[in-house]
Amino acid sequence: MSRRKPGALLPLETEILDVALSMLRSEQATFHGFGLAQTMREETGSRSLTGHGTLYKALSRLEERGLLTSRWEDAAAAEGRPRRRLYELTRQGAHVAEQARSDRAGEAAARSPRLASEPA
């Protein structure tokens, strides 16, 4: 197994940032891990969440890199259930997510010769 390049994101990390950016644009600035996993499965058909803890390890790595921030929700908001850790995309995280989207769009255009060769 090869090691990833320093600074490179794993596909799951890129997917998390992309979904977080979509949520932010839908005026849902904060999210919790379980809700994020549900959104990833429902909206993108994600199959990246293969093992217990995979998502939370990725969220932790993204937070360490400054792409997400997190905090524990207020105890009053928990209303009889365990408190959740709430995550939020940082400005840098939004920039990285936008760049990843742009890169994917460029790759898709390059793979589609018919579209690339049509006049603008």
PDB file of N, CA and C in Angstrom:
ATOM      1  N   MET A   1       0.843  -1.176   0.000  1.00  0.00           N
ATOM      2  CA  MET A   1       0.000   0.000   0.000  1.00  0.00           C
ATOM      3  C   MET A   1       0.892   1.245   0.000  1.00  0.00           C
ATOM      4  N   SER A   2       0.635   2.174  -0.884  1.00  0.00           N
ATOM      5  CA  SER A   2       1.462   3.376  -0.952  1.00  0.00           C
ATOM      6  C   SER A   2       0.957   4.427   0.036  1.00  0.00           C
ATOM      7  N   ARG A   3       1.874   5.248   0.482  1.00  0.00           N
ATOM      8  CA  ARG A   3       1.521   6.326   1.403  1.00  0.00           C
ATOM      9  C   ARG A   3       1.025   7.502   0.583  1.00  0.00           C
ATOM     10  N   ARG A   4       0.119   8.242   1.166  1.00  0.00           N
ATOM     11  CA  ARG A   4      -0.360   9.413   0.434  1.00  0.00           C
ATOM     12  C   ARG A   4       0.622  10.557   0.572  1.00  0.00           C
ATOM     13  N   LYS A   5       0.584  11.437  -0.402  1.00  0.00           N
ATOM     14  CA  LYS A   5       1.474  12.588  -0.407  1.00  0.00           C
ATOM     15  C   LYS A   5       1.104  13.528   0.736  1.00  0.00           C
ATOM     16  N   PRO A   6       2.101  14.183   1.324  1.00  0.00           N
ATOM     17  CA  PRO A   6       1.798  15.151   2.383  1.00  0.00           C
ATOM     18  C   PRO A   6       0.831  16.211   1.863  1.00  0.00           C
ATOM     19  N   GLY A   7      -0.183  16.469   2.635  1.00  0.00           N
ATOM     20  CA  GLY A   7      -1.172  17.470   2.251  1.00  0.00           C
ATOM     21  C   GLY A   7      -2.300  16.954   1.383  1.00  0.00           C
ATOM     22  N   ALA A   8      -2.164  15.746   0.849  1.00  0.00           N
ATOM     23  CA  ALA A   8      -3.215  15.190  -0.005  1.00  0.00           C
ATOM     24  C   ALA A   8      -4.366  14.677   0.853  1.00  0.00           C
ATOM     25  N   LEU A   9      -5.570  14.868   0.359  1.00  0.00           N
ATOM     26  CA  LEU A   9      -6.756  14.384   1.058  1.00  0.00           C
ATOM     27  C   LEU A   9      -7.147  13.011   0.545  1.00  0.00           C
ATOM     28  N   LEU A  10      -7.677  12.203   1.431  1.00  0.00           N
ATOM     29  CA  LEU A  10      -8.253  10.928   1.027  1.00  0.00           C
ATOM     30  C   LEU A  10      -9.601  11.197   0.362  1.00  0.00           C
ATOM     31  N   PRO A  11     -10.073  10.293  -0.491  1.00  0.00           N
ATOM     32  CA  PRO A  11     -11.382  10.497  -1.126  1.00  0.00           C
ATOM     33  C   PRO A  11     -12.504  10.748  -0.114  1.00  0.00           C
ATOM     34  N   LEU A  12     -12.493  10.039   1.009  1.00  0.00           N
ATOM     35  CA  LEU A  12     -13.519  10.252   2.036  1.00  0.00           C
ATOM     36  C   LEU A  12     -13.447  11.671   2.587  1.00  0.00           C
ATOM     37  N   GLU A  13     -12.248  12.178   2.801  1.00  0.00           N
ATOM     38  CA  GLU A  13     -12.087  13.532   3.329  1.00  0.00           C
ATOM     39  C   GLU A  13     -12.605  14.570   2.340  1.00  0.00           C
ATOM     40  N   THR A  14     -12.319  14.360   1.066  1.00  0.00           N
ATOM     41  CA  THR A  14     -12.819  15.264   0.026  1.00  0.00           C
ATOM     42  C   THR A  14     -14.347  15.213  -0.020  1.00  0.00           C
ATOM     43  N   GLU A  15     -14.896  14.021   0.103  1.00  0.00           N
ATOM     44  CA  GLU A  15     -16.356  13.863   0.090  1.00  0.00           C
ATOM     45  C   GLU A  15     -16.994  14.566   1.287  1.00  0.00           C
ATOM     46  N   ILE A  16     -16.374  14.451   2.456  1.00  0.00           N
ATOM     47  CA  ILE A  16     -16.885  15.137   3.649  1.00  0.00           C
ATOM     48  C   ILE A  16     -16.901  16.644   3.419  1.00  0.00           C
ATOM     49  N   LEU A  17     -15.802  17.183   2.913  1.00  0.00           N
ATOM     50  CA  LEU A  17     -15.736  18.632   2.666  1.00  0.00           C
ATOM     51  C   LEU A  17     -16.778  19.066   1.646  1.00  0.00           C
ATOM     52  N   ASP A  18     -16.987  18.259   0.616  1.00  0.00           N
ATOM     53  CA  ASP A  18     -17.971  18.585  -0.421  1.00  0.00           C
ATOM     54  C   ASP A  18     -19.383  18.618   0.164  1.00  0.00           C
ATOM     55  N   VAL A  19     -19.724  17.624   0.962  1.00  0.00           N
ATOM     56  CA  VAL A  19     -21.053  17.582   1.575  1.00  0.00           C
ATOM     57  C   VAL A  19     -21.197  18.718   2.583  1.00  0.00           C
ATOM     58  N   ALA A  20     -20.146  19.007   3.346  1.00  0.00           N
ATOM     59  CA  ALA A  20     -20.187  20.113   4.306  1.00  0.00           C
ATOM     60  C   ALA A  20     -20.399  21.443   3.586  1.00  0.00           C
ATOM     61  N   LEU A  21     -19.770  21.614   2.427  1.00  0.00           N
ATOM     62  CA  LEU A  21     -19.959  22.834   1.640  1.00  0.00           C
ATOM     63  C   LEU A  21     -21.395  22.934   1.146  1.00  0.00           C
ATOM     64  N   SER A  22     -21.955  21.835   0.680  1.00  0.00           N
ATOM     65  CA  SER A  22     -23.364  21.826   0.242  1.00  0.00           C
ATOM     66  C   SER A  22     -24.294  22.168   1.400  1.00  0.00           C
ATOM     67  N   MET A  23     -24.006  21.625   2.569  1.00  0.00           N
ATOM     68  CA  MET A  23     -24.829  21.911   3.742  1.00  0.00           C
ATOM     69  C   MET A  23     -24.725  23.384   4.125  1.00  0.00           C
ATOM     70  N   LEU A  24     -23.519  23.932   4.059  1.00  0.00           N
ATOM     71  CA  LEU A  24     -23.312  25.340   4.369  1.00  0.00           C
ATOM     72  C   LEU A  24     -24.106  26.215   3.413  1.00  0.00           C
ATOM     73  N   ARG A  25     -24.087  25.877   2.145  1.00  0.00           N
ATOM     74  CA  ARG A  25     -24.844  26.641   1.135  1.00  0.00           C
ATOM     75  C   ARG A  25     -26.347  26.511   1.326  1.00  0.00           C
ATOM     76  N   SER A  26     -26.772  25.449   2.004  1.00  0.00           N
ATOM     77  CA  SER A  26     -28.193  25.249   2.311  1.00  0.00           C
ATOM     78  C   SER A  26     -28.533  25.840   3.676  1.00  0.00           C
ATOM     79  N   GLU A  27     -27.654  26.708   4.158  1.00  0.00           N
ATOM     80  CA  GLU A  27     -27.812  27.410   5.427  1.00  0.00           C
ATOM     81  C   GLU A  27     -27.824  26.482   6.629  1.00  0.00           C
ATOM     82  N   GLN A  28     -27.136  25.355   6.531  1.00  0.00           N
ATOM     83  CA  GLN A  28     -26.921  24.467   7.664  1.00  0.00           C
ATOM     84  C   GLN A  28     -25.423  24.502   7.949  1.00  0.00           C
ATOM     85  N   ALA A  29     -25.020  25.478   8.757  1.00  0.00           N
ATOM     86  CA  ALA A  29     -23.596  25.715   8.986  1.00  0.00           C
ATOM     87  C   ALA A  29     -22.948  24.626   9.826  1.00  0.00           C
ATOM     88  N   THR A  30     -23.670  24.080  10.801  1.00  0.00           N
ATOM     89  CA  THR A  30     -23.094  23.051  11.659  1.00  0.00           C
ATOM     90  C   THR A  30     -23.754  21.706  11.371  1.00  0.00           C
ATOM     91  N   PHE A  31     -23.008  20.654  11.652  1.00  0.00           N
ATOM     92  CA  PHE A  31     -23.519  19.301  11.447  1.00  0.00           C
ATOM     93  C   PHE A  31     -22.854  18.374  12.443  1.00  0.00           C
ATOM     94  N   HIS A  32     -23.486  17.254  12.695  1.00  0.00           N
ATOM     95  CA  HIS A  32     -22.883  16.243  13.564  1.00  0.00           C
ATOM     96  C   HIS A  32     -22.586  15.016  12.719  1.00  0.00           C
ATOM     97  N   GLY A  33     -21.728  14.150  13.220  1.00  0.00           N
ATOM     98  CA  GLY A  33     -21.240  13.016  12.446  1.00  0.00           C
ATOM     99  C   GLY A  33     -22.329  12.111  11.905  1.00  0.00           C
ATOM    100  N   PHE A  34     -23.291  11.726  12.738  1.00  0.00           N
ATOM    101  CA  PHE A  34     -24.340  10.822  12.289  1.00  0.00           C
ATOM    102  C   PHE A  34     -25.175  11.475  11.187  1.00  0.00           C
ATOM    103  N   GLY A  35     -25.503  12.744  11.360  1.00  0.00           N
ATOM    104  CA  GLY A  35     -26.266  13.462  10.335  1.00  0.00           C
ATOM    105  C   GLY A  35     -25.496  13.588   9.038  1.00  0.00           C
ATOM    106  N   LEU A  36     -24.200  13.825   9.151  1.00  0.00           N
ATOM    107  CA  LEU A  36     -23.351  13.898   7.965  1.00  0.00           C
ATOM    108  C   LEU A  36     -23.350  12.561   7.230  1.00  0.00           C
ATOM    109  N   ALA A  37     -23.201  11.473   7.984  1.00  0.00           N
ATOM    110  CA  ALA A  37     -23.191  10.135   7.373  1.00  0.00           C
ATOM    111  C   ALA A  37     -24.512   9.865   6.653  1.00  0.00           C
ATOM    112  N   GLN A  38     -25.634  10.240   7.269  1.00  0.00           N
ATOM    113  CA  GLN A  38     -26.935  10.054   6.622  1.00  0.00           C
ATOM    114  C   GLN A  38     -27.017  10.852   5.332  1.00  0.00           C
ATOM    115  N   THR A  39     -26.581  12.092   5.368  1.00  0.00           N
ATOM    116  CA  THR A  39     -26.609  12.942   4.179  1.00  0.00           C
ATOM    117  C   THR A  39     -25.727  12.362   3.082  1.00  0.00           C
ATOM    118  N   MET A  40     -24.551  11.889   3.457  1.00  0.00           N
ATOM    119  CA  MET A  40     -23.638  11.310   2.471  1.00  0.00           C
ATOM    120  C   MET A  40     -24.266  10.087   1.803  1.00  0.00           C
ATOM    121  N   ARG A  41     -24.929   9.266   2.575  1.00  0.00           N
ATOM    122  CA  ARG A  41     -25.561   8.066   2.004  1.00  0.00           C
ATOM    123  C   ARG A  41     -26.760   8.420   1.136  1.00  0.00           C
ATOM    124  N   GLU A  42     -27.602   9.349   1.608  1.00  0.00           N
ATOM    125  CA  GLU A  42     -28.829   9.698   0.901  1.00  0.00           C
ATOM    126  C   GLU A  42     -28.579  10.518  -0.356  1.00  0.00           C
ATOM    127  N   GLU A  43     -27.728  11.528  -0.251  1.00  0.00           N
ATOM    128  CA  GLU A  43     -27.555  12.461  -1.359  1.00  0.00           C
ATOM    129  C   GLU A  43     -26.494  12.036  -2.360  1.00  0.00           C
ATOM    130  N   THR A  44     -25.449  11.383  -1.881  1.00  0.00           N
ATOM    131  CA  THR A  44     -24.365  11.045  -2.802  1.00  0.00           C
ATOM    132  C   THR A  44     -24.205   9.546  -2.999  1.00  0.00           C
ATOM    133  N   GLY A  45     -24.992   8.749  -2.267  1.00  0.00           N
ATOM    134  CA  GLY A  45     -24.861   7.299  -2.388  1.00  0.00           C
ATOM    135  C   GLY A  45     -23.518   6.811  -1.877  1.00  0.00           C
ATOM    136  N   SER A  46     -22.953   7.525  -0.923  1.00  0.00           N
ATOM    137  CA  SER A  46     -21.609   7.226  -0.425  1.00  0.00           C
ATOM    138  C   SER A  46     -21.472   5.794   0.050  1.00  0.00           C
ATOM    139  N   ARG A  47     -20.393   5.188  -0.381  1.00  0.00           N
ATOM    140  CA  ARG A  47     -20.026   3.855   0.101  1.00  0.00           C
ATOM    141  C   ARG A  47     -18.692   3.924   0.829  1.00  0.00           C
ATOM    142  N   SER A  48     -18.233   5.145   1.127  1.00  0.00           N
ATOM    143  CA  SER A  48     -16.929   5.352   1.762  1.00  0.00           C
ATOM    144  C   SER A  48     -16.911   4.979   3.236  1.00  0.00           C
ATOM    145  N   LEU A  49     -18.071   4.913   3.844  1.00  0.00           N
ATOM    146  CA  LEU A  49     -18.138   4.683   5.283  1.00  0.00           C
ATOM    147  C   LEU A  49     -18.183   3.189   5.549  1.00  0.00           C
ATOM    148  N   THR A  50     -17.030   2.565   5.472  1.00  0.00           N
ATOM    149  CA  THR A  50     -16.970   1.111   5.529  1.00  0.00           C
ATOM    150  C   THR A  50     -16.818   0.536   6.925  1.00  0.00           C
ATOM    151  N   GLY A  51     -16.210   1.241   7.836  1.00  0.00           N
ATOM    152  CA  GLY A  51     -15.973   0.680   9.157  1.00  0.00           C
ATOM    153  C   GLY A  51     -16.359   1.644  10.255  1.00  0.00           C
ATOM    154  N   HIS A  52     -16.632   1.076  11.428  1.00  0.00           N
ATOM    155  CA  HIS A  52     -16.973   1.905  12.578  1.00  0.00           C
ATOM    156  C   HIS A  52     -15.813   2.847  12.877  1.00  0.00           C
ATOM    157  N   GLY A  53     -16.101   4.092  13.014  1.00  0.00           N
ATOM    158  CA  GLY A  53     -15.066   5.060  13.334  1.00  0.00           C
ATOM    159  C   GLY A  53     -14.392   5.693  12.138  1.00  0.00           C
ATOM    160  N   THR A  54     -14.626   5.169  10.934  1.00  0.00           N
ATOM    161  CA  THR A  54     -13.982   5.721   9.739  1.00  0.00           C
ATOM    162  C   THR A  54     -14.300   7.198   9.581  1.00  0.00           C
ATOM    163  N   LEU A  55     -15.573   7.548   9.721  1.00  0.00           N
ATOM    164  CA  LEU A  55     -15.999   8.933   9.565  1.00  0.00           C
ATOM    165  C   LEU A  55     -15.367   9.822  10.627  1.00  0.00           C
ATOM    166  N   TYR A  56     -15.395   9.371  11.873  1.00  0.00           N
ATOM    167  CA  TYR A  56     -14.895  10.210  12.955  1.00  0.00           C
ATOM    168  C   TYR A  56     -13.388  10.400  12.893  1.00  0.00           C
ATOM    169  N   LYS A  57     -12.678   9.416  12.420  1.00  0.00           N
ATOM    170  CA  LYS A  57     -11.230   9.568  12.228  1.00  0.00           C
ATOM    171  C   LYS A  57     -10.957  10.601  11.135  1.00  0.00           C
ATOM    172  N   ALA A  58     -11.741  10.542  10.067  1.00  0.00           N
ATOM    173  CA  ALA A  58     -11.578  11.509   8.978  1.00  0.00           C
ATOM    174  C   ALA A  58     -11.934  12.918   9.453  1.00  0.00           C
ATOM    175  N   LEU A  59     -13.006  13.051  10.225  1.00  0.00           N
ATOM    176  CA  LEU A  59     -13.386  14.360  10.765  1.00  0.00           C
ATOM    177  C   LEU A  59     -12.265  14.911  11.646  1.00  0.00           C
ATOM    178  N   SER A  60     -11.659  14.059  12.436  1.00  0.00           N
ATOM    179  CA  SER A  60     -10.558  14.478  13.299  1.00  0.00           C
ATOM    180  C   SER A  60      -9.361  14.960  12.479  1.00  0.00           C
ATOM    181  N   ARG A  61      -9.023  14.219  11.417  1.00  0.00           N
ATOM    182  CA  ARG A  61      -7.898  14.633  10.557  1.00  0.00           C
ATOM    183  C   ARG A  61      -8.190  15.983   9.902  1.00  0.00           C
ATOM    184  N   LEU A  62      -9.421  16.187   9.454  1.00  0.00           N
ATOM    185  CA  LEU A  62      -9.788  17.451   8.813  1.00  0.00           C
ATOM    186  C   LEU A  62      -9.727  18.608   9.813  1.00  0.00           C
ATOM    187  N   GLU A  63     -10.109  18.320  11.040  1.00  0.00           N
ATOM    188  CA  GLU A  63     -10.028  19.354  12.075  1.00  0.00           C
ATOM    189  C   GLU A  63      -8.566  19.678  12.392  1.00  0.00           C
ATOM    190  N   GLU A  64      -7.716  18.660  12.466  1.00  0.00           N
ATOM    191  CA  GLU A  64      -6.290  18.889  12.725  1.00  0.00           C
ATOM    192  C   GLU A  64      -5.659  19.747  11.634  1.00  0.00           C
ATOM    193  N   ARG A  65      -6.144  19.619  10.417  1.00  0.00           N
ATOM    194  CA  ARG A  65      -5.605  20.399   9.290  1.00  0.00           C
ATOM    195  C   ARG A  65      -6.223  21.792   9.197  1.00  0.00           C
ATOM    196  N   GLY A  66      -7.182  22.097  10.069  1.00  0.00           N
ATOM    197  CA  GLY A  66      -7.801  23.420  10.071  1.00  0.00           C
ATOM    198  C   GLY A  66      -8.914  23.578   9.046  1.00  0.00           C
ATOM    199  N   LEU A  67      -9.411  22.475   8.501  1.00  0.00           N
ATOM    200  CA  LEU A  67     -10.471  22.546   7.492  1.00  0.00           C
ATOM    201  C   LEU A  67     -11.865  22.482   8.117  1.00  0.00           C
ATOM    202  N   LEU A  68     -11.936  21.987   9.341  1.00  0.00           N
ATOM    203  CA  LEU A  68     -13.172  21.949  10.123  1.00  0.00           C
ATOM    204  C   LEU A  68     -12.854  22.433  11.536  1.00  0.00           C
ATOM    205  N   THR A  69     -13.867  22.929  12.212  1.00  0.00           N
ATOM    206  CA  THR A  69     -13.789  23.185  13.648  1.00  0.00           C
ATOM    207  C   THR A  69     -14.895  22.368  14.298  1.00  0.00           C
ATOM    208  N   SER A  70     -14.776  22.140  15.594  1.00  0.00           N
ATOM    209  CA  SER A  70     -15.833  21.408  16.281  1.00  0.00           C
ATOM    210  C   SER A  70     -15.999  21.924  17.697  1.00  0.00           C
ATOM    211  N   ARG A  71     -17.155  21.626  18.243  1.00  0.00           N
ATOM    212  CA  ARG A  71     -17.479  21.964  19.630  1.00  0.00           C
ATOM    213  C   ARG A  71     -18.588  21.025  20.077  1.00  0.00           C
ATOM    214  N   TRP A  72     -18.725  20.861  21.379  1.00  0.00           N
ATOM    215  CA  TRP A  72     -19.817  20.056  21.904  1.00  0.00           C
ATOM    216  C   TRP A  72     -21.063  20.925  21.947  1.00  0.00           C
ATOM    217  N   GLU A  73     -22.202  20.357  21.580  1.00  0.00           N
ATOM    218  CA  GLU A  73     -23.448  21.117  21.634  1.00  0.00           C
ATOM    219  C   GLU A  73     -23.806  21.409  23.085  1.00  0.00           C
ATOM    220  N   ASP A  74     -24.640  22.407  23.288  1.00  0.00           N
ATOM    221  CA  ASP A  74     -25.086  22.765  24.628  1.00  0.00           C
ATOM    222  C   ASP A  74     -25.878  21.612  25.228  1.00  0.00           C
ATOM    223  N   ALA A  75     -25.707  21.420  26.531  1.00  0.00           N
ATOM    224  CA  ALA A  75     -26.410  20.338  27.216  1.00  0.00           C
ATOM    225  C   ALA A  75     -27.920  20.494  27.085  1.00  0.00           C
ATOM    226  N   ALA A  76     -28.416  21.717  27.104  1.00  0.00           N
ATOM    227  CA  ALA A  76     -29.856  21.948  26.996  1.00  0.00           C
ATOM    228  C   ALA A  76     -30.396  21.498  25.642  1.00  0.00           C
ATOM    229  N   ALA A  77     -29.577  21.586  24.607  1.00  0.00           N
ATOM    230  CA  ALA A  77     -30.016  21.184  23.266  1.00  0.00           C
ATOM    231  C   ALA A  77     -30.126  19.670  23.136  1.00  0.00           C
ATOM    232  N   ALA A  78     -29.444  18.925  23.991  1.00  0.00           N
ATOM    233  CA  ALA A  78     -29.430  17.466  23.890  1.00  0.00           C
ATOM    234  C   ALA A  78     -30.767  16.843  24.266  1.00  0.00           C
ATOM    235  N   GLU A  79     -31.523  17.458  25.170  1.00  0.00           N
ATOM    236  CA  GLU A  79     -32.870  17.014  25.544  1.00  0.00           C
ATOM    237  C   GLU A  79     -32.982  15.503  25.756  1.00  0.00           C
ATOM    238  N   GLY A  80     -32.281  14.978  26.750  1.00  0.00           N
ATOM    239  CA  GLY A  80     -32.429  13.576  27.110  1.00  0.00           C
ATOM    240  C   GLY A  80     -31.627  12.587  26.286  1.00  0.00           C
ATOM    241  N   ARG A  81     -30.787  13.047  25.408  1.00  0.00           N
ATOM    242  CA  ARG A  81     -29.922  12.157  24.629  1.00  0.00           C
ATOM    243  C   ARG A  81     -28.488  12.610  24.855  1.00  0.00           C
ATOM    244  N   PRO A  82     -27.537  11.787  24.510  1.00  0.00           N
ATOM    245  CA  PRO A  82     -26.140  12.225  24.657  1.00  0.00           C
ATOM    246  C   PRO A  82     -25.858  13.463  23.799  1.00  0.00           C
ATOM    247  N   ARG A  83     -25.002  14.325  24.305  1.00  0.00           N
ATOM    248  CA  ARG A  83     -24.612  15.508  23.524  1.00  0.00           C
ATOM    249  C   ARG A  83     -23.855  15.076  22.281  1.00  0.00           C
ATOM    250  N   ARG A  84     -23.977  15.878  21.236  1.00  0.00           N
ATOM    251  CA  ARG A  84     -23.277  15.587  19.981  1.00  0.00           C
ATOM    252  C   ARG A  84     -22.152  16.591  19.774  1.00  0.00           C
ATOM    253  N   ARG A  85     -21.150  16.153  19.062  1.00  0.00           N
ATOM    254  CA  ARG A  85     -20.072  17.036  18.645  1.00  0.00           C
ATOM    255  C   ARG A  85     -20.527  17.676  17.344  1.00  0.00           C
ATOM    256  N   LEU A  86     -20.524  18.990  17.293  1.00  0.00           N
ATOM    257  CA  LEU A  86     -20.950  19.731  16.112  1.00  0.00           C
ATOM    258  C   LEU A  86     -19.730  20.219  15.350  1.00  0.00           C
ATOM    259  N   TYR A  87     -19.755  20.031  14.057  1.00  0.00           N
ATOM    260  CA  TYR A  87     -18.646  20.414  13.180  1.00  0.00           C
ATOM    261  C   TYR A  87     -19.082  21.556  12.284  1.00  0.00           C
ATOM    262  N   GLU A  88     -18.106  22.344  11.873  1.00  0.00           N
ATOM    263  CA  GLU A  88     -18.370  23.459  10.969  1.00  0.00           C
ATOM    264  C   GLU A  88     -17.186  23.611  10.019  1.00  0.00           C
ATOM    265  N   LEU A  89     -17.490  23.861   8.774  1.00  0.00           N
ATOM    266  CA  LEU A  89     -16.474  24.078   7.754  1.00  0.00           C
ATOM    267  C   LEU A  89     -15.803  25.425   7.990  1.00  0.00           C
ATOM    268  N   THR A  90     -14.487  25.463   7.974  1.00  0.00           N
ATOM    269  CA  THR A  90     -13.762  26.723   8.120  1.00  0.00           C
ATOM    270  C   THR A  90     -13.678  27.403   6.754  1.00  0.00           C
ATOM    271  N   ARG A  91     -13.216  28.625   6.754  1.00  0.00           N
ATOM    272  CA  ARG A  91     -13.019  29.342   5.497  1.00  0.00           C
ATOM    273  C   ARG A  91     -12.018  28.587   4.614  1.00  0.00           C
ATOM    274  N   GLN A  92     -10.947  28.099   5.236  1.00  0.00           N
ATOM    275  CA  GLN A  92      -9.945  27.323   4.496  1.00  0.00           C
ATOM    276  C   GLN A  92     -10.562  26.021   3.978  1.00  0.00           C
ATOM    277  N   GLY A  93     -11.402  25.375   4.782  1.00  0.00           N
ATOM    278  CA  GLY A  93     -12.070  24.151   4.360  1.00  0.00           C
ATOM    279  C   GLY A  93     -12.980  24.385   3.172  1.00  0.00           C
ATOM    280  N   ALA A  94     -13.701  25.509   3.186  1.00  0.00           N
ATOM    281  CA  ALA A  94     -14.572  25.851   2.063  1.00  0.00           C
ATOM    282  C   ALA A  94     -13.747  26.070   0.800  1.00  0.00           C
ATOM    283  N   HIS A  95     -12.592  26.722   0.961  1.00  0.00           N
ATOM    284  CA  HIS A  95     -11.711  26.958  -0.197  1.00  0.00           C
ATOM    285  C   HIS A  95     -11.207  25.630  -0.769  1.00  0.00           C
ATOM    286  N   VAL A  96     -10.785  24.722   0.106  1.00  0.00           N
ATOM    287  CA  VAL A  96     -10.296  23.410  -0.345  1.00  0.00           C
ATOM    288  C   VAL A  96     -11.423  22.632  -1.030  1.00  0.00           C
ATOM    289  N   ALA A  97     -12.640  22.702  -0.482  1.00  0.00           N
ATOM    290  CA  ALA A  97     -13.787  22.014  -1.085  1.00  0.00           C
ATOM    291  C   ALA A  97     -14.097  22.587  -2.466  1.00  0.00           C
ATOM    292  N   GLU A  98     -14.061  23.908  -2.592  1.00  0.00           N
ATOM    293  CA  GLU A  98     -14.301  24.552  -3.890  1.00  0.00           C
ATOM    294  C   GLU A  98     -13.248  24.131  -4.909  1.00  0.00           C
ATOM    295  N   GLN A  99     -11.987  24.090  -4.466  1.00  0.00           N
ATOM    296  CA  GLN A  99     -10.896  23.700  -5.365  1.00  0.00           C
ATOM    297  C   GLN A  99     -11.074  22.256  -5.822  1.00  0.00           C
ATOM    298  N   ALA A 100     -11.471  21.373  -4.905  1.00  0.00           N
ATOM    299  CA  ALA A 100     -11.686  19.968  -5.252  1.00  0.00           C
ATOM    300  C   ALA A 100     -12.827  19.841  -6.264  1.00  0.00           C
ATOM    301  N   ARG A 101     -13.883  20.628  -6.090  1.00  0.00           N
ATOM    302  CA  ARG A 101     -14.994  20.613  -7.055  1.00  0.00           C
ATOM    303  C   ARG A 101     -14.522  21.079  -8.421  1.00  0.00           C
ATOM    304  N   SER A 102     -13.736  22.140  -8.426  1.00  0.00           N
ATOM    305  CA  SER A 102     -13.207  22.676  -9.675  1.00  0.00           C
ATOM    306  C   SER A 102     -12.316  21.651 -10.370  1.00  0.00           C
ATOM    307  N   ASP A 103     -11.467  20.983  -9.590  1.00  0.00           N
ATOM    308  CA  ASP A 103     -10.584  19.956 -10.148  1.00  0.00           C
ATOM    309  C   ASP A 103     -11.396  18.815 -10.757  1.00  0.00           C
ATOM    310  N   ARG A 104     -12.442  18.374 -10.051  1.00  0.00           N
ATOM    311  CA  ARG A 104     -13.289  17.285 -10.566  1.00  0.00           C
ATOM    312  C   ARG A 104     -14.004  17.710 -11.838  1.00  0.00           C
ATOM    313  N   ALA A 105     -14.469  18.957 -11.903  1.00  0.00           N
ATOM    314  CA  ALA A 105     -15.147  19.447 -13.098  1.00  0.00           C
ATOM    315  C   ALA A 105     -14.177  19.477 -14.277  1.00  0.00           C
ATOM    316  N   GLY A 106     -12.945  19.906 -14.032  1.00  0.00           N
ATOM    317  CA  GLY A 106     -11.931  19.923 -15.086  1.00  0.00           C
ATOM    318  C   GLY A 106     -11.590  18.525 -15.564  1.00  0.00           C
ATOM    319  N   GLU A 107     -11.491  17.583 -14.637  1.00  0.00           N
ATOM    320  CA  GLU A 107     -11.210  16.193 -15.009  1.00  0.00           C
ATOM    321  C   GLU A 107     -12.352  15.600 -15.821  1.00  0.00           C
ATOM    322  N   ALA A 108     -13.592  15.915 -15.427  1.00  0.00           N
ATOM    323  CA  ALA A 108     -14.758  15.402 -16.158  1.00  0.00           C
ATOM    324  C   ALA A 108     -14.788  15.970 -17.575  1.00  0.00           C
ATOM    325  N   ALA A 109     -14.456  17.247 -17.715  1.00  0.00           N
ATOM    326  CA  ALA A 109     -14.440  17.859 -19.039  1.00  0.00           C
ATOM    327  C   ALA A 109     -13.349  17.244 -19.909  1.00  0.00           C
ATOM    328  N   ALA A 110     -12.218  16.943 -19.304  1.00  0.00           N
ATOM    329  CA  ALA A 110     -11.111  16.347 -20.058  1.00  0.00           C
ATOM    330  C   ALA A 110     -11.444  14.928 -20.514  1.00  0.00           C
ATOM    331  N   ARG A 111     -12.254  14.219 -19.736  1.00  0.00           N
ATOM    332  CA  ARG A 111     -12.638  12.848 -20.098  1.00  0.00           C
ATOM    333  C   ARG A 111     -13.726  12.826 -21.158  1.00  0.00           C
ATOM    334  N   SER A 112     -14.380  13.945 -21.391  1.00  0.00           N
ATOM    335  CA  SER A 112     -15.479  14.000 -22.347  1.00  0.00           C
ATOM    336  C   SER A 112     -15.035  14.766 -23.599  1.00  0.00           C
ATOM    337  N   PRO A 113     -14.414  14.059 -24.551  1.00  0.00           N
ATOM    338  CA  PRO A 113     -13.880  14.757 -25.729  1.00  0.00           C
ATOM    339  C   PRO A 113     -14.960  15.462 -26.539  1.00  0.00           C
ATOM    340  N   ARG A 114     -16.156  14.900 -26.597  1.00  0.00           N
ATOM    341  CA  ARG A 114     -17.235  15.511 -27.376  1.00  0.00           C
ATOM    342  C   ARG A 114     -17.556  16.894 -26.813  1.00  0.00           C
ATOM    343  N   LEU A 115     -17.677  16.992 -25.499  1.00  0.00           N
ATOM    344  CA  LEU A 115     -17.990  18.272 -24.894  1.00  0.00           C
ATOM    345  C   LEU A 115     -16.826  19.249 -24.991  1.00  0.00           C
ATOM    346  N   ALA A 116     -15.610  18.737 -24.832  1.00  0.00           N
ATOM    347  CA  ALA A 116     -14.434  19.604 -24.881  1.00  0.00           C
ATOM    348  C   ALA A 116     -14.205  20.157 -26.278  1.00  0.00           C
ATOM    349  N   SER A 117     -14.613  19.426 -27.336  1.00  0.00           N
ATOM    350  CA  SER A 117     -14.341  19.883 -28.682  1.00  0.00           C
ATOM    351  C   SER A 117     -15.475  20.706 -29.279  1.00  0.00           C
ATOM    352  N   GLU A 118     -16.626  20.771 -28.582  1.00  0.00           N
ATOM    353  CA  GLU A 118     -17.734  21.571 -29.108  1.00  0.00           C
ATOM    354  C   GLU A 118     -17.429  23.053 -28.923  1.00  0.00           C
ATOM    355  N   PRO A 119     -17.900  23.881 -29.864  1.00  0.00           N
ATOM    356  CA  PRO A 119     -17.659  25.326 -29.731  1.00  0.00           C
ATOM    357  C   PRO A 119     -18.417  25.891 -28.525  1.00  0.00           C
ATOM    358  N   ALA A 120     -17.840  26.899 -27.926  1.00  0.00           N
ATOM    359  CA  ALA A 120     -18.455  27.500 -26.741  1.00  0.00           C
ATOM    360  C   ALA A 120     -19.605  28.391 -27.078  1.00  0.00           C
TER     361      ALA A 120
END
